[in-house]
Amino acid sequence: MSDDSRSFASGVALPILEVPQPFAARQPRRLPPWLRQNLAPGGGHAETAHLISELGLETVCSSAKCPNRLECWSQRTATFMILGNVCTRPCGFCSVPKGKTEELEADEPQRVAEAARRLGLAHVVITSVTRDDLPDGGADHFRRTVDAVRAATSATVEVLVPDFIGKDGALELVMQSRPDVFNHNTETVPRLYRTVRGRKSVYAWTLQLLADAKRLVPTTRTKSGLMLGLGETRDELLDVFADLLEHGVDCLTLGQYLQPTADSLPVERYVHPDEFEELGTLARGIGFRRVASGPLVRSSYHAREMAEDGRVA
């Protein structure tokens, strides 16, 4: 195969991504036009925000400064973040606070379920900070939250979990609740893992976690996501696609990394929407069951559609 292109069964061939300069050499970049959003006043986002505040809940929408949060809240959807709002991992891409964690709130699963019920959600996404300080990494809290949502609603449930690295039996606890979708983000390519995800995260562990979830409950749809624009190359992306498929992953999300704070990793490149479209076409062509690929795609964006049969462009 030539050095300038690489293709799979779909016949799609893409140019090699330009290898960017080191982080230290980069200058702040202006957002390209395709990343600028305008949301008309009104809609249901204020009502959703009020309900979340009333019930004392956290959402990844706010904590991670998701660019789609007003759109999603206007549509009465949200991704609930459990286990507190302080993370034990210093990931370079994330704006969730790091530091001293707090005790788990025993009634949090019921409050999440009440929010899902009052919002009338058809698909509920439950995620969390990473809690390396807990013996099970918060796995049993995940299980209880899924069970509470199922008891209060008829919604399908997706869990977007941390890696539970070094937590024996944690994945088994989560899978006891038989989530409809099991999601764990790969985030980036192996070469950038320590820079982006920190020293404790391991690429091989991520792949094994996804494979083990499918092994434990074969009917669960498995899902993972990647951020683009951190310095990865096209060949590295294609290798990760192949690894995820080999480990039984059904669904893939591809989105643009956006620097959430001045202290976070800088954006190395803004990927054009046409390139996202090509990558999505390629990923579908090599066998992913569902693919969502676009600059503003996030792992839980349009999650209900991703959980259904068919394909997302």
C-alpha atoms as a PDB file:
ATOM      1  CA  MET A   1       0.000   0.000   0.000  1.00  0.00           C
ATOM      2  CA  SER A   2       1.293   3.468  -0.891  1.00  0.00           C
ATOM      3  CA  ASP A   3       2.482   6.019   1.666  1.00  0.00           C
ATOM      4  CA  ASP A   4      -0.028   8.652   0.470  1.00  0.00           C
ATOM      5  CA  SER A   5      -3.315   6.820   0.961  1.00  0.00           C
ATOM      6  CA  ARG A   6      -4.970   3.919   2.657  1.00  0.00           C
ATOM      7  CA  SER A   7      -8.381   2.360   1.935  1.00  0.00           C
ATOM      8  CA  PHE A   8     -10.687  -0.313   3.306  1.00  0.00           C
ATOM      9  CA  ALA A   9     -13.498  -2.374   1.813  1.00  0.00           C
ATOM     10  CA  SER A  10     -15.584   0.776   1.330  1.00  0.00           C
ATOM     11  CA  GLY A  11     -13.143   1.951  -1.315  1.00  0.00           C
ATOM     12  CA  VAL A  12     -12.762   5.284   0.468  1.00  0.00           C
ATOM     13  CA  ALA A  13      -9.230   6.685   0.407  1.00  0.00           C
ATOM     14  CA  LEU A  14      -8.333   9.771   2.396  1.00  0.00           C
ATOM     15  CA  PRO A  15      -5.219  11.930   2.366  1.00  0.00           C
ATOM     16  CA  ILE A  16      -2.794  11.588   5.240  1.00  0.00           C
ATOM     17  CA  LEU A  17      -3.528  14.165   7.930  1.00  0.00           C
ATOM     18  CA  GLU A  18      -0.828  16.791   8.259  1.00  0.00           C
ATOM     19  CA  VAL A  19       1.365  16.075  11.278  1.00  0.00           C
ATOM     20  CA  PRO A  20       1.025  19.207  13.448  1.00  0.00           C
ATOM     21  CA  GLN A  21       3.635  21.231  15.271  1.00  0.00           C
ATOM     22  CA  PRO A  22       4.370  20.423  18.932  1.00  0.00           C
ATOM     23  CA  PHE A  23       1.938  21.923  21.457  1.00  0.00           C
ATOM     24  CA  ALA A  24       4.435  24.532  22.640  1.00  0.00           C
ATOM     25  CA  ALA A  25       4.777  25.956  19.141  1.00  0.00           C
ATOM     26  CA  ARG A  26       1.062  26.463  18.617  1.00  0.00           C
ATOM     27  CA  GLN A  27      -0.755  29.789  18.740  1.00  0.00           C
ATOM     28  CA  PRO A  28      -4.427  30.229  19.744  1.00  0.00           C
ATOM     29  CA  ARG A  29      -6.725  29.584  16.793  1.00  0.00           C
ATOM     30  CA  ARG A  30      -9.980  31.269  15.875  1.00  0.00           C
ATOM     31  CA  LEU A  31     -12.992  28.995  15.597  1.00  0.00           C
ATOM     32  CA  PRO A  32     -13.786  28.191  11.979  1.00  0.00           C
ATOM     33  CA  PRO A  33     -17.302  29.106  10.784  1.00  0.00           C
ATOM     34  CA  TRP A  34     -18.621  25.543  11.017  1.00  0.00           C
ATOM     35  CA  LEU A  35     -18.045  25.537  14.791  1.00  0.00           C
ATOM     36  CA  ARG A  36     -19.891  28.772  15.534  1.00  0.00           C
ATOM     37  CA  GLN A  37     -23.357  28.155  16.883  1.00  0.00           C
ATOM     38  CA  ASN A  38     -26.370  30.406  17.341  1.00  0.00           C
ATOM     39  CA  LEU A  39     -29.292  29.303  19.449  1.00  0.00           C
ATOM     40  CA  ALA A  40     -32.506  31.273  19.211  1.00  0.00           C
ATOM     41  CA  PRO A  41     -33.946  32.462  22.531  1.00  0.00           C
ATOM     42  CA  GLY A  42     -36.686  30.400  24.090  1.00  0.00           C
ATOM     43  CA  GLY A  43     -37.000  26.631  23.897  1.00  0.00           C
ATOM     44  CA  GLY A  44     -36.960  24.221  26.807  1.00  0.00           C
ATOM     45  CA  HIS A  45     -33.383  24.590  27.968  1.00  0.00           C
ATOM     46  CA  ALA A  46     -34.260  26.862  30.908  1.00  0.00           C
ATOM     47  CA  GLU A  47     -36.828  24.356  32.167  1.00  0.00           C
ATOM     48  CA  THR A  48     -34.324  21.503  31.928  1.00  0.00           C
ATOM     49  CA  ALA A  49     -31.660  23.546  33.716  1.00  0.00           C
ATOM     50  CA  HIS A  50     -34.119  24.433  36.491  1.00  0.00           C
ATOM     51  CA  LEU A  51     -35.117  20.802  37.023  1.00  0.00           C
ATOM     52  CA  ILE A  52     -31.486  19.665  37.196  1.00  0.00           C
ATOM     53  CA  SER A  53     -30.756  22.398  39.744  1.00  0.00           C
ATOM     54  CA  GLU A  54     -33.883  21.602  41.773  1.00  0.00           C
ATOM     55  CA  LEU A  55     -32.905  17.948  42.084  1.00  0.00           C
ATOM     56  CA  GLY A  56     -29.278  18.771  42.889  1.00  0.00           C
ATOM     57  CA  LEU A  57     -27.869  16.852  39.935  1.00  0.00           C
ATOM     58  CA  GLU A  58     -24.724  17.228  37.855  1.00  0.00           C
ATOM     59  CA  THR A  59     -24.642  16.974  34.078  1.00  0.00           C
ATOM     60  CA  VAL A  60     -21.622  16.428  31.878  1.00  0.00           C
ATOM     61  CA  CYS A  61     -23.284  19.000  29.610  1.00  0.00           C
ATOM     62  CA  SER A  62     -22.269  21.766  32.024  1.00  0.00           C
ATOM     63  CA  SER A  63     -19.235  20.290  33.760  1.00  0.00           C
ATOM     64  CA  ALA A  64     -17.468  19.470  30.479  1.00  0.00           C
ATOM     65  CA  LYS A  65     -18.677  22.669  28.760  1.00  0.00           C
ATOM     66  CA  CYS A  66     -20.311  20.687  25.947  1.00  0.00           C
ATOM     67  CA  PRO A  67     -20.992  22.930  22.907  1.00  0.00           C
ATOM     68  CA  ASN A  68     -24.344  21.196  22.336  1.00  0.00           C
ATOM     69  CA  ARG A  69     -25.784  21.612  25.814  1.00  0.00           C
ATOM     70  CA  LEU A  70     -28.337  24.304  24.968  1.00  0.00           C
ATOM     71  CA  GLU A  71     -29.541  22.393  21.922  1.00  0.00           C
ATOM     72  CA  CYS A  72     -29.897  19.184  23.922  1.00  0.00           C
ATOM     73  CA  TRP A  73     -31.580  20.915  26.861  1.00  0.00           C
ATOM     74  CA  SER A  74     -33.992  22.612  24.452  1.00  0.00           C
ATOM     75  CA  GLN A  75     -34.965  19.096  23.371  1.00  0.00           C
ATOM     76  CA  ARG A  76     -35.380  18.034  27.025  1.00  0.00           C
ATOM     77  CA  THR A  77     -32.408  15.687  27.059  1.00  0.00           C
ATOM     78  CA  ALA A  78     -29.328  15.631  29.249  1.00  0.00           C
ATOM     79  CA  THR A  79     -26.443  13.349  30.168  1.00  0.00           C
ATOM     80  CA  PHE A  80     -26.480  12.825  33.923  1.00  0.00           C
ATOM     81  CA  MET A  81     -23.124  12.773  35.696  1.00  0.00           C
ATOM     82  CA  ILE A  82     -23.044  10.744  38.892  1.00  0.00           C
ATOM     83  CA  LEU A  83     -20.411  10.162  41.616  1.00  0.00           C
ATOM     84  CA  GLY A  84     -19.945  13.893  42.245  1.00  0.00           C
ATOM     85  CA  ASN A  85     -18.327  16.594  40.132  1.00  0.00           C
ATOM     86  CA  VAL A  86     -14.662  16.148  41.097  1.00  0.00           C
ATOM     87  CA  CYS A  87     -12.460  13.737  39.141  1.00  0.00           C
ATOM     88  CA  THR A  88      -9.378  11.842  40.312  1.00  0.00           C
ATOM     89  CA  ARG A  89      -7.740  11.840  36.848  1.00  0.00           C
ATOM     90  CA  PRO A  90      -5.883  14.904  35.468  1.00  0.00           C
ATOM     91  CA  CYS A  91      -6.847  14.384  31.815  1.00  0.00           C
ATOM     92  CA  GLY A  92      -5.445  17.168  29.657  1.00  0.00           C
ATOM     93  CA  PHE A  93      -8.565  17.602  27.525  1.00  0.00           C
ATOM     94  CA  CYS A  94     -11.226  17.850  30.235  1.00  0.00           C
ATOM     95  CA  SER A  95     -12.549  20.804  32.249  1.00  0.00           C
ATOM     96  CA  VAL A  96     -14.208  18.757  35.022  1.00  0.00           C
ATOM     97  CA  PRO A  97     -12.658  19.832  38.366  1.00  0.00           C
ATOM     98  CA  LYS A  98      -9.879  17.675  39.844  1.00  0.00           C
ATOM     99  CA  GLY A  99      -9.039  17.306  43.499  1.00  0.00           C
ATOM    100  CA  LYS A 100     -10.549  16.059  46.745  1.00  0.00           C
ATOM    101  CA  THR A 101     -13.703  14.023  46.168  1.00  0.00           C
ATOM    102  CA  GLU A 102     -16.804  13.855  48.364  1.00  0.00           C
ATOM    103  CA  GLU A 103     -18.843  11.015  49.819  1.00  0.00           C
ATOM    104  CA  LEU A 104     -21.341   9.360  47.497  1.00  0.00           C
ATOM    105  CA  GLU A 105     -24.944  10.534  47.853  1.00  0.00           C
ATOM    106  CA  ALA A 106     -27.060   7.464  48.540  1.00  0.00           C
ATOM    107  CA  ASP A 107     -30.221   8.991  47.051  1.00  0.00           C
ATOM    108  CA  GLU A 108     -28.571  10.154  43.822  1.00  0.00           C
ATOM    109  CA  PRO A 109     -29.877   7.187  41.770  1.00  0.00           C
ATOM    110  CA  GLN A 110     -33.456   8.053  42.739  1.00  0.00           C
ATOM    111  CA  ARG A 111     -32.943  11.737  41.894  1.00  0.00           C
ATOM    112  CA  VAL A 112     -31.597  10.841  38.459  1.00  0.00           C
ATOM    113  CA  ALA A 113     -34.591   8.584  37.911  1.00  0.00           C
ATOM    114  CA  GLU A 114     -36.974  11.358  38.988  1.00  0.00           C
ATOM    115  CA  ALA A 115     -35.371  13.790  36.547  1.00  0.00           C
ATOM    116  CA  ALA A 116     -35.644  11.249  33.727  1.00  0.00           C
ATOM    117  CA  ARG A 117     -39.291  10.658  34.581  1.00  0.00           C
ATOM    118  CA  ARG A 118     -40.214  14.349  34.759  1.00  0.00           C
ATOM    119  CA  LEU A 119     -38.377  15.118  31.520  1.00  0.00           C
ATOM    120  CA  GLY A 120     -40.153  12.243  29.809  1.00  0.00           C
ATOM    121  CA  LEU A 121     -36.874  10.886  28.440  1.00  0.00           C
ATOM    122  CA  ALA A 122     -36.967   7.951  26.044  1.00  0.00           C
ATOM    123  CA  HIS A 123     -33.203   7.355  26.323  1.00  0.00           C
ATOM    124  CA  VAL A 124     -31.154   8.151  29.414  1.00  0.00           C
ATOM    125  CA  VAL A 125     -27.369   8.544  29.378  1.00  0.00           C
ATOM    126  CA  ILE A 126     -25.561   8.080  32.697  1.00  0.00           C
ATOM    127  CA  THR A 127     -21.892   8.995  32.972  1.00  0.00           C
ATOM    128  CA  SER A 128     -19.537   9.913  35.791  1.00  0.00           C
ATOM    129  CA  VAL A 129     -16.251  11.373  36.842  1.00  0.00           C
ATOM    130  CA  THR A 130     -13.450   8.863  37.422  1.00  0.00           C
ATOM    131  CA  ARG A 131     -13.319   7.779  41.060  1.00  0.00           C
ATOM    132  CA  ASP A 132     -10.043   5.938  41.577  1.00  0.00           C
ATOM    133  CA  ASP A 133     -10.529   6.541  45.313  1.00  0.00           C
ATOM    134  CA  LEU A 134     -13.487   4.131  45.520  1.00  0.00           C
ATOM    135  CA  PRO A 135     -12.845   0.369  45.866  1.00  0.00           C
ATOM    136  CA  ASP A 136     -15.172  -0.403  42.932  1.00  0.00           C
ATOM    137  CA  GLY A 137     -14.629   2.889  41.078  1.00  0.00           C
ATOM    138  CA  GLY A 138     -18.330   3.684  41.614  1.00  0.00           C
ATOM    139  CA  ALA A 139     -19.542   0.634  39.672  1.00  0.00           C
ATOM    140  CA  ASP A 140     -22.278  -0.333  42.137  1.00  0.00           C
ATOM    141  CA  HIS A 141     -23.555   3.266  42.096  1.00  0.00           C
ATOM    142  CA  PHE A 142     -23.862   2.948  38.317  1.00  0.00           C
ATOM    143  CA  ARG A 143     -25.803  -0.291  38.735  1.00  0.00           C
ATOM    144  CA  ARG A 144     -28.191   1.231  41.254  1.00  0.00           C
ATOM    145  CA  THR A 145     -28.759   4.290  39.058  1.00  0.00           C
ATOM    146  CA  VAL A 146     -29.627   2.188  36.009  1.00  0.00           C
ATOM    147  CA  ASP A 147     -31.990   0.084  38.122  1.00  0.00           C
ATOM    148  CA  ALA A 148     -33.686   3.208  39.518  1.00  0.00           C
ATOM    149  CA  VAL A 149     -34.197   4.722  36.045  1.00  0.00           C
ATOM    150  CA  ARG A 150     -35.659   1.441  34.807  1.00  0.00           C
ATOM    151  CA  ALA A 151     -38.044   1.317  37.765  1.00  0.00           C
ATOM    152  CA  ALA A 152     -39.273   4.885  37.141  1.00  0.00           C
ATOM    153  CA  THR A 153     -39.380   5.019  33.333  1.00  0.00           C
ATOM    154  CA  SER A 154     -39.611   2.904  30.201  1.00  0.00           C
ATOM    155  CA  ALA A 155     -36.490   4.556  28.778  1.00  0.00           C
ATOM    156  CA  THR A 156     -33.572   2.739  27.264  1.00  0.00           C
ATOM    157  CA  VAL A 157     -30.387   3.337  29.257  1.00  0.00           C
ATOM    158  CA  GLU A 158     -26.818   4.034  28.167  1.00  0.00           C
ATOM    159  CA  VAL A 159     -23.859   4.026  30.541  1.00  0.00           C
ATOM    160  CA  LEU A 160     -20.757   6.040  29.630  1.00  0.00           C
ATOM    161  CA  VAL A 161     -18.231   4.710  32.103  1.00  0.00           C
ATOM    162  CA  PRO A 162     -14.636   5.402  33.177  1.00  0.00           C
ATOM    163  CA  ASP A 163     -12.086   2.645  32.637  1.00  0.00           C
ATOM    164  CA  PHE A 164     -12.299   1.056  36.138  1.00  0.00           C
ATOM    165  CA  ILE A 165      -8.614   0.232  35.759  1.00  0.00           C
ATOM    166  CA  GLY A 166      -7.403  -1.954  38.617  1.00  0.00           C
ATOM    167  CA  LYS A 167     -10.949  -2.412  39.981  1.00  0.00           C
ATOM    168  CA  ASP A 168     -11.612  -6.156  39.958  1.00  0.00           C
ATOM    169  CA  GLY A 169     -15.288  -7.000  39.518  1.00  0.00           C
ATOM    170  CA  ALA A 170     -16.328  -3.409  38.712  1.00  0.00           C
ATOM    171  CA  LEU A 171     -17.389  -4.089  35.136  1.00  0.00           C
ATOM    172  CA  GLU A 172     -19.369  -7.121  36.256  1.00  0.00           C
ATOM    173  CA  LEU A 173     -21.297  -4.933  38.716  1.00  0.00           C
ATOM    174  CA  VAL A 174     -22.222  -2.435  36.002  1.00  0.00           C
ATOM    175  CA  MET A 175     -23.253  -5.150  33.571  1.00  0.00           C
ATOM    176  CA  GLN A 176     -25.586  -6.711  36.152  1.00  0.00           C
ATOM    177  CA  SER A 177     -27.977  -3.874  35.239  1.00  0.00           C
ATOM    178  CA  ARG A 178     -27.842  -4.972  31.571  1.00  0.00           C
ATOM    179  CA  PRO A 179     -27.588  -1.483  30.027  1.00  0.00           C
ATOM    180  CA  ASP A 180     -28.934  -1.125  26.499  1.00  0.00           C
ATOM    181  CA  VAL A 181     -25.726   0.662  25.464  1.00  0.00           C
ATOM    182  CA  PHE A 182     -22.299   0.339  27.078  1.00  0.00           C
ATOM    183  CA  ASN A 183     -20.097   3.303  26.153  1.00  0.00           C
ATOM    184  CA  HIS A 184     -16.457   3.906  27.018  1.00  0.00           C
ATOM    185  CA  ASN A 185     -14.526   6.523  25.089  1.00  0.00           C
ATOM    186  CA  THR A 186     -11.176   5.682  23.546  1.00  0.00           C
ATOM    187  CA  GLU A 187     -10.667   9.466  23.164  1.00  0.00           C
ATOM    188  CA  THR A 188      -7.456   9.404  21.101  1.00  0.00           C
ATOM    189  CA  VAL A 189      -4.810   7.271  19.416  1.00  0.00           C
ATOM    190  CA  PRO A 190      -2.283   5.180  21.397  1.00  0.00           C
ATOM    191  CA  ARG A 191       0.667   7.515  20.734  1.00  0.00           C
ATOM    192  CA  LEU A 192      -1.168  10.395  22.445  1.00  0.00           C
ATOM    193  CA  TYR A 193      -2.722   8.416  25.301  1.00  0.00           C
ATOM    194  CA  ARG A 194      -0.448   9.610  28.111  1.00  0.00           C
ATOM    195  CA  THR A 195      -0.535  13.216  26.912  1.00  0.00           C
ATOM    196  CA  VAL A 196      -4.312  13.342  26.516  1.00  0.00           C
ATOM    197  CA  ARG A 197      -5.601  10.881  29.114  1.00  0.00           C
ATOM    198  CA  GLY A 198      -2.822  10.839  31.680  1.00  0.00           C
ATOM    199  CA  ARG A 199      -0.409   8.241  33.016  1.00  0.00           C
ATOM    200  CA  LYS A 200      -3.039   5.950  34.553  1.00  0.00           C
ATOM    201  CA  SER A 201      -4.963   5.337  31.329  1.00  0.00           C
ATOM    202  CA  VAL A 202      -3.946   2.415  29.117  1.00  0.00           C
ATOM    203  CA  TYR A 203      -5.080   1.939  25.520  1.00  0.00           C
ATOM    204  CA  ALA A 204      -5.053  -1.870  25.729  1.00  0.00           C
ATOM    205  CA  TRP A 205      -7.208  -1.739  28.877  1.00  0.00           C
ATOM    206  CA  THR A 206      -9.770   0.425  27.063  1.00  0.00           C
ATOM    207  CA  LEU A 207     -10.064  -2.141  24.281  1.00  0.00           C
ATOM    208  CA  GLN A 208     -10.355  -5.024  26.738  1.00  0.00           C
ATOM    209  CA  LEU A 209     -13.039  -3.245  28.775  1.00  0.00           C
ATOM    210  CA  LEU A 210     -15.191  -2.836  25.666  1.00  0.00           C
ATOM    211  CA  ALA A 211     -14.660  -6.460  24.632  1.00  0.00           C
ATOM    212  CA  ASP A 212     -15.448  -7.750  28.138  1.00  0.00           C
ATOM    213  CA  ALA A 213     -18.697  -5.766  28.298  1.00  0.00           C
ATOM    214  CA  LYS A 214     -19.864  -7.452  25.092  1.00  0.00           C
ATOM    215  CA  ARG A 215     -18.740 -10.851  26.393  1.00  0.00           C
ATOM    216  CA  LEU A 216     -20.659 -10.431  29.647  1.00  0.00           C
ATOM    217  CA  VAL A 217     -23.909  -9.261  27.996  1.00  0.00           C
ATOM    218  CA  PRO A 218     -23.801 -10.009  24.240  1.00  0.00           C
ATOM    219  CA  THR A 219     -27.094  -8.165  23.634  1.00  0.00           C
ATOM    220  CA  THR A 220     -25.665  -4.867  24.902  1.00  0.00           C
ATOM    221  CA  ARG A 221     -24.622  -2.484  22.151  1.00  0.00           C
ATOM    222  CA  THR A 222     -21.044  -1.311  22.703  1.00  0.00           C
ATOM    223  CA  LYS A 223     -19.906   2.167  21.733  1.00  0.00           C
ATOM    224  CA  SER A 224     -16.775   4.300  21.798  1.00  0.00           C
ATOM    225  CA  GLY A 225     -15.719   7.770  20.698  1.00  0.00           C
ATOM    226  CA  LEU A 226     -12.670   9.659  19.478  1.00  0.00           C
ATOM    227  CA  MET A 227     -11.748  13.342  19.576  1.00  0.00           C
ATOM    228  CA  LEU A 228     -10.005  14.677  16.479  1.00  0.00           C
ATOM    229  CA  GLY A 229      -7.614  17.600  16.260  1.00  0.00           C
ATOM    230  CA  LEU A 230      -5.160  16.642  19.006  1.00  0.00           C
ATOM    231  CA  GLY A 231      -2.304  15.711  16.681  1.00  0.00           C
ATOM    232  CA  GLU A 232      -3.349  12.261  15.483  1.00  0.00           C
ATOM    233  CA  THR A 233      -2.616  11.096  11.936  1.00  0.00           C
ATOM    234  CA  ARG A 234      -5.013   9.450   9.533  1.00  0.00           C
ATOM    235  CA  ASP A 235      -3.185   6.111   9.672  1.00  0.00           C
ATOM    236  CA  GLU A 236      -3.382   6.167  13.471  1.00  0.00           C
ATOM    237  CA  LEU A 237      -7.125   6.756  13.300  1.00  0.00           C
ATOM    238  CA  LEU A 238      -7.605   3.879  10.881  1.00  0.00           C
ATOM    239  CA  ASP A 239      -5.627   1.577  13.169  1.00  0.00           C
ATOM    240  CA  VAL A 240      -7.881   2.520  16.098  1.00  0.00           C
ATOM    241  CA  PHE A 241     -10.991   1.891  13.967  1.00  0.00           C
ATOM    242  CA  ALA A 242      -9.671  -1.596  13.197  1.00  0.00           C
ATOM    243  CA  ASP A 243      -8.829  -2.265  16.872  1.00  0.00           C
ATOM    244  CA  LEU A 244     -12.302  -1.231  18.032  1.00  0.00           C
ATOM    245  CA  LEU A 245     -13.979  -3.471  15.472  1.00  0.00           C
ATOM    246  CA  GLU A 246     -11.727  -6.365  16.460  1.00  0.00           C
ATOM    247  CA  HIS A 247     -12.874  -5.892  20.071  1.00  0.00           C
ATOM    248  CA  GLY A 248     -16.562  -6.018  19.170  1.00  0.00           C
ATOM    249  CA  VAL A 249     -17.479  -2.330  19.245  1.00  0.00           C
ATOM    250  CA  ASP A 250     -20.778  -1.646  17.447  1.00  0.00           C
ATOM    251  CA  CYS A 251     -21.012   2.160  17.439  1.00  0.00           C
ATOM    252  CA  LEU A 252     -18.470   4.914  16.861  1.00  0.00           C
ATOM    253  CA  THR A 253     -18.568   8.672  17.418  1.00  0.00           C
ATOM    254  CA  LEU A 254     -16.050  11.112  15.934  1.00  0.00           C
ATOM    255  CA  GLY A 255     -15.972  14.777  16.948  1.00  0.00           C
ATOM    256  CA  GLN A 256     -13.733  17.828  17.036  1.00  0.00           C
ATOM    257  CA  TYR A 257     -11.734  18.440  20.207  1.00  0.00           C
ATOM    258  CA  LEU A 258     -12.370  21.948  21.548  1.00  0.00           C
ATOM    259  CA  GLN A 259     -10.099  23.415  24.215  1.00  0.00           C
ATOM    260  CA  PRO A 260     -12.411  24.006  27.227  1.00  0.00           C
ATOM    261  CA  THR A 261     -10.044  26.135  29.368  1.00  0.00           C
ATOM    262  CA  ALA A 262      -6.775  28.010  28.949  1.00  0.00           C
ATOM    263  CA  ASP A 263      -5.025  25.258  30.941  1.00  0.00           C
ATOM    264  CA  SER A 264      -6.324  22.428  28.756  1.00  0.00           C
ATOM    265  CA  LEU A 265      -4.479  20.919  25.813  1.00  0.00           C
ATOM    266  CA  PRO A 266      -4.539  23.199  22.764  1.00  0.00           C
ATOM    267  CA  VAL A 267      -6.289  22.334  19.526  1.00  0.00           C
ATOM    268  CA  GLU A 268      -3.729  21.216  16.965  1.00  0.00           C
ATOM    269  CA  ARG A 269      -6.063  21.288  13.978  1.00  0.00           C
ATOM    270  CA  TYR A 270      -9.689  22.037  13.157  1.00  0.00           C
ATOM    271  CA  VAL A 271     -10.923  19.172  11.009  1.00  0.00           C
ATOM    272  CA  HIS A 272     -13.155  20.211   8.110  1.00  0.00           C
ATOM    273  CA  PRO A 273     -16.733  18.806   8.012  1.00  0.00           C
ATOM    274  CA  ASP A 274     -15.969  17.133   4.674  1.00  0.00           C
ATOM    275  CA  GLU A 275     -13.203  15.140   6.304  1.00  0.00           C
ATOM    276  CA  PHE A 276     -15.529  14.079   9.110  1.00  0.00           C
ATOM    277  CA  GLU A 277     -18.025  12.932   6.491  1.00  0.00           C
ATOM    278  CA  GLU A 278     -15.359  10.905   4.687  1.00  0.00           C
ATOM    279  CA  LEU A 279     -14.161   9.313   7.913  1.00  0.00           C
ATOM    280  CA  GLY A 280     -17.751   8.444   8.848  1.00  0.00           C
ATOM    281  CA  THR A 281     -18.325   6.838   5.446  1.00  0.00           C
ATOM    282  CA  LEU A 282     -15.147   4.824   5.832  1.00  0.00           C
ATOM    283  CA  ALA A 283     -16.060   3.669   9.350  1.00  0.00           C
ATOM    284  CA  ARG A 284     -19.488   2.506   8.207  1.00  0.00           C
ATOM    285  CA  GLY A 285     -17.954   0.763   5.226  1.00  0.00           C
ATOM    286  CA  ILE A 286     -15.604  -1.365   7.336  1.00  0.00           C
ATOM    287  CA  GLY A 287     -18.362  -2.633   9.602  1.00  0.00           C
ATOM    288  CA  PHE A 288     -19.447  -0.318  12.428  1.00  0.00           C
ATOM    289  CA  ARG A 289     -23.155  -0.734  13.068  1.00  0.00           C
ATOM    290  CA  ARG A 290     -23.723   2.951  13.810  1.00  0.00           C
ATOM    291  CA  VAL A 291     -21.487   5.971  13.174  1.00  0.00           C
ATOM    292  CA  ALA A 292     -21.894   9.636  14.068  1.00  0.00           C
ATOM    293  CA  SER A 293     -19.134  11.823  12.652  1.00  0.00           C
ATOM    294  CA  GLY A 294     -19.024  15.613  12.622  1.00  0.00           C
ATOM    295  CA  PRO A 295     -17.289  18.595  14.238  1.00  0.00           C
ATOM    296  CA  LEU A 296     -19.879  18.979  17.013  1.00  0.00           C
ATOM    297  CA  VAL A 297     -20.536  15.275  17.602  1.00  0.00           C
ATOM    298  CA  ARG A 298     -19.958  14.162  21.175  1.00  0.00           C
ATOM    299  CA  SER A 299     -20.219  10.675  22.659  1.00  0.00           C
ATOM    300  CA  SER A 300     -23.746  11.251  23.952  1.00  0.00           C
ATOM    301  CA  TYR A 301     -24.944  13.608  21.192  1.00  0.00           C
ATOM    302  CA  HIS A 302     -28.082  12.170  19.532  1.00  0.00           C
ATOM    303  CA  ALA A 303     -27.516   9.120  21.736  1.00  0.00           C
ATOM    304  CA  ARG A 304     -31.073   7.885  21.303  1.00  0.00           C
ATOM    305  CA  GLU A 305     -30.648   7.636  17.543  1.00  0.00           C
ATOM    306  CA  MET A 306     -27.311   5.868  18.025  1.00  0.00           C
ATOM    307  CA  ALA A 307     -29.037   3.285  20.220  1.00  0.00           C
ATOM    308  CA  GLU A 308     -31.626   2.457  17.578  1.00  0.00           C
ATOM    309  CA  ASP A 309     -31.332   0.301  14.486  1.00  0.00           C
ATOM    310  CA  GLY A 310     -30.050   1.913  11.320  1.00  0.00           C
ATOM    311  CA  ARG A 311     -27.212   4.348  10.827  1.00  0.00           C
ATOM    312  CA  VAL A 312     -26.436   7.960  11.625  1.00  0.00           C
ATOM    313  CA  ALA A 313     -24.514  10.053   9.094  1.00  0.00           C
END
